[in-house]
Amino acid sequence: MKKFLFTATALCFLALSAFVIPQQNVKSEESEHPRIAKAIHEINDAIEYMEKAPHDFGGHKAAAIADSKAAVKSLKLAMAYRAKADNAKGK
């Protein structure tokens, strides 16, 4: 049991460390890809607006919010990938 917990903890640590990107690199990616950074900001604004809206946009509110959150997640992953790739190159 101890061996399993150690292995599981080690795997979780490795998985998490693979996605930890220095903030400076993320910021540089935002400056290199301003349209993506702006899209993330604009989509987050739209999500906030929809969440506060009293109506359900013809029954599409929940799906629109979920799809928008998925889009933000994908865009952030794309930026994180670029930051990680640039970090590996020593940029």
C-alpha atoms as a PDB file:
ATOM      1  CA  MET A   1       0.000   0.000   0.000  1.00  0.00           C
ATOM      2  CA  LYS A   2       2.833   2.418   0.847  1.00  0.00           C
ATOM      3  CA  LYS A   3       4.518   1.646  -2.459  1.00  0.00           C
ATOM      4  CA  PHE A   4       1.264   2.373  -4.331  1.00  0.00           C
ATOM      5  CA  LEU A   5       0.775   5.701  -2.519  1.00  0.00           C
ATOM      6  CA  PHE A   6       4.365   6.697  -3.187  1.00  0.00           C
ATOM      7  CA  THR A   7       4.050   5.817  -6.862  1.00  0.00           C
ATOM      8  CA  ALA A   8       0.728   7.626  -7.187  1.00  0.00           C
ATOM      9  CA  THR A   9       2.112  10.706  -5.450  1.00  0.00           C
ATOM     10  CA  ALA A  10       5.212  10.691  -7.637  1.00  0.00           C
ATOM     11  CA  LEU A  11       3.140  10.377 -10.800  1.00  0.00           C
ATOM     12  CA  CYS A  12       0.862  13.226  -9.733  1.00  0.00           C
ATOM     13  CA  PHE A  13       3.889  15.388  -8.982  1.00  0.00           C
ATOM     14  CA  LEU A  14       5.430  14.649 -12.375  1.00  0.00           C
ATOM     15  CA  ALA A  15       2.162  15.319 -14.166  1.00  0.00           C
ATOM     16  CA  LEU A  16       1.694  18.628 -12.387  1.00  0.00           C
ATOM     17  CA  SER A  17       5.287  19.712 -12.876  1.00  0.00           C
ATOM     18  CA  ALA A  18       4.934  19.133 -16.616  1.00  0.00           C
ATOM     19  CA  PHE A  19       2.283  21.849 -16.717  1.00  0.00           C
ATOM     20  CA  VAL A  20       3.926  24.376 -14.429  1.00  0.00           C
ATOM     21  CA  ILE A  21       5.208  27.171 -16.624  1.00  0.00           C
ATOM     22  CA  PRO A  22       7.055  30.197 -15.330  1.00  0.00           C
ATOM     23  CA  GLN A  23       4.723  33.214 -15.273  1.00  0.00           C
ATOM     24  CA  GLN A  24       7.237  35.252 -17.263  1.00  0.00           C
ATOM     25  CA  ASN A  25       6.942  32.828 -20.203  1.00  0.00           C
ATOM     26  CA  VAL A  26       3.147  32.950 -20.119  1.00  0.00           C
ATOM     27  CA  LYS A  27       3.290  36.751 -20.163  1.00  0.00           C
ATOM     28  CA  SER A  28       5.683  36.690 -23.115  1.00  0.00           C
ATOM     29  CA  GLU A  29       3.312  34.369 -24.972  1.00  0.00           C
ATOM     30  CA  GLU A  30       0.490  36.816 -24.319  1.00  0.00           C
ATOM     31  CA  SER A  31       2.574  39.576 -25.915  1.00  0.00           C
ATOM     32  CA  GLU A  32       3.509  37.320 -28.845  1.00  0.00           C
ATOM     33  CA  HIS A  33      -0.096  36.219 -29.376  1.00  0.00           C
ATOM     34  CA  PRO A  34      -2.200  39.241 -28.388  1.00  0.00           C
ATOM     35  CA  ARG A  35      -5.258  38.078 -30.316  1.00  0.00           C
ATOM     36  CA  ILE A  36      -5.439  34.877 -28.291  1.00  0.00           C
ATOM     37  CA  ALA A  37      -4.925  36.771 -25.026  1.00  0.00           C
ATOM     38  CA  LYS A  38      -7.649  39.228 -26.049  1.00  0.00           C
ATOM     39  CA  ALA A  39      -9.998  36.380 -27.016  1.00  0.00           C
ATOM     40  CA  ILE A  40      -9.552  34.792 -23.584  1.00  0.00           C
ATOM     41  CA  HIS A  41     -10.375  38.109 -21.926  1.00  0.00           C
ATOM     42  CA  GLU A  42     -13.404  38.747 -24.156  1.00  0.00           C
ATOM     43  CA  ILE A  43     -14.803  35.236 -23.721  1.00  0.00           C
ATOM     44  CA  ASN A  44     -14.399  35.509 -19.941  1.00  0.00           C
ATOM     45  CA  ASP A  45     -16.338  38.797 -20.079  1.00  0.00           C
ATOM     46  CA  ALA A  46     -19.093  37.102 -22.088  1.00  0.00           C
ATOM     47  CA  ILE A  47     -19.252  34.232 -19.593  1.00  0.00           C
ATOM     48  CA  GLU A  48     -19.593  36.674 -16.708  1.00  0.00           C
ATOM     49  CA  TYR A  49     -22.322  38.556 -18.583  1.00  0.00           C
ATOM     50  CA  MET A  50     -24.270  35.385 -19.374  1.00  0.00           C
ATOM     51  CA  GLU A  51     -23.984  34.085 -15.815  1.00  0.00           C
ATOM     52  CA  LYS A  52     -25.468  37.317 -14.466  1.00  0.00           C
ATOM     53  CA  ALA A  53     -28.157  37.636 -17.135  1.00  0.00           C
ATOM     54  CA  PRO A  54     -31.701  37.047 -15.864  1.00  0.00           C
ATOM     55  CA  HIS A  55     -32.806  35.289 -19.064  1.00  0.00           C
ATOM     56  CA  ASP A  56     -31.715  31.980 -20.570  1.00  0.00           C
ATOM     57  CA  PHE A  57     -31.059  33.123 -24.151  1.00  0.00           C
ATOM     58  CA  GLY A  58     -33.761  30.885 -25.576  1.00  0.00           C
ATOM     59  CA  GLY A  59     -32.563  27.856 -23.656  1.00  0.00           C
ATOM     60  CA  HIS A  60     -28.967  28.193 -24.876  1.00  0.00           C
ATOM     61  CA  LYS A  61     -27.445  29.875 -21.819  1.00  0.00           C
ATOM     62  CA  ALA A  62     -26.060  26.801 -20.059  1.00  0.00           C
ATOM     63  CA  ALA A  63     -24.554  25.317 -23.215  1.00  0.00           C
ATOM     64  CA  ALA A  64     -23.110  28.686 -24.274  1.00  0.00           C
ATOM     65  CA  ILE A  65     -21.448  29.121 -20.886  1.00  0.00           C
ATOM     66  CA  ALA A  66     -20.073  25.573 -20.905  1.00  0.00           C
ATOM     67  CA  ASP A  67     -18.803  25.880 -24.480  1.00  0.00           C
ATOM     68  CA  SER A  68     -17.234  29.260 -23.725  1.00  0.00           C
ATOM     69  CA  LYS A  69     -15.448  27.863 -20.669  1.00  0.00           C
ATOM     70  CA  ALA A  70     -14.176  24.969 -22.804  1.00  0.00           C
ATOM     71  CA  ALA A  71     -12.910  27.454 -25.399  1.00  0.00           C
ATOM     72  CA  VAL A  72     -11.045  29.452 -22.739  1.00  0.00           C
ATOM     73  CA  LYS A  73      -9.501  26.251 -21.407  1.00  0.00           C
ATOM     74  CA  SER A  74      -8.341  25.236 -24.889  1.00  0.00           C
ATOM     75  CA  LEU A  75      -6.897  28.675 -25.599  1.00  0.00           C
ATOM     76  CA  LYS A  76      -5.033  28.663 -22.289  1.00  0.00           C
ATOM     77  CA  LEU A  77      -3.660  25.201 -23.040  1.00  0.00           C
ATOM     78  CA  ALA A  78      -2.489  26.427 -26.436  1.00  0.00           C
ATOM     79  CA  MET A  79      -0.715  29.382 -24.823  1.00  0.00           C
ATOM     80  CA  ALA A  80       0.782  27.127 -22.143  1.00  0.00           C
ATOM     81  CA  TYR A  81       2.076  24.760 -24.832  1.00  0.00           C
ATOM     82  CA  ARG A  82       3.771  27.626 -26.656  1.00  0.00           C
ATOM     83  CA  ALA A  83       5.265  28.909 -23.398  1.00  0.00           C
ATOM     84  CA  LYS A  84       6.569  25.449 -22.553  1.00  0.00           C
ATOM     85  CA  ALA A  85       7.978  24.953 -26.061  1.00  0.00           C
ATOM     86  CA  ASP A  86       9.649  28.354 -25.997  1.00  0.00           C
ATOM     87  CA  ASN A  87      11.031  27.649 -22.527  1.00  0.00           C
ATOM     88  CA  ALA A  88      12.534  24.386 -23.780  1.00  0.00           C
ATOM     89  CA  LYS A  89      14.218  26.309 -26.617  1.00  0.00           C
ATOM     90  CA  GLY A  90      15.606  28.807 -24.124  1.00  0.00           C
ATOM     91  CA  LYS A  91      13.585  31.770 -25.351  1.00  0.00           C
END
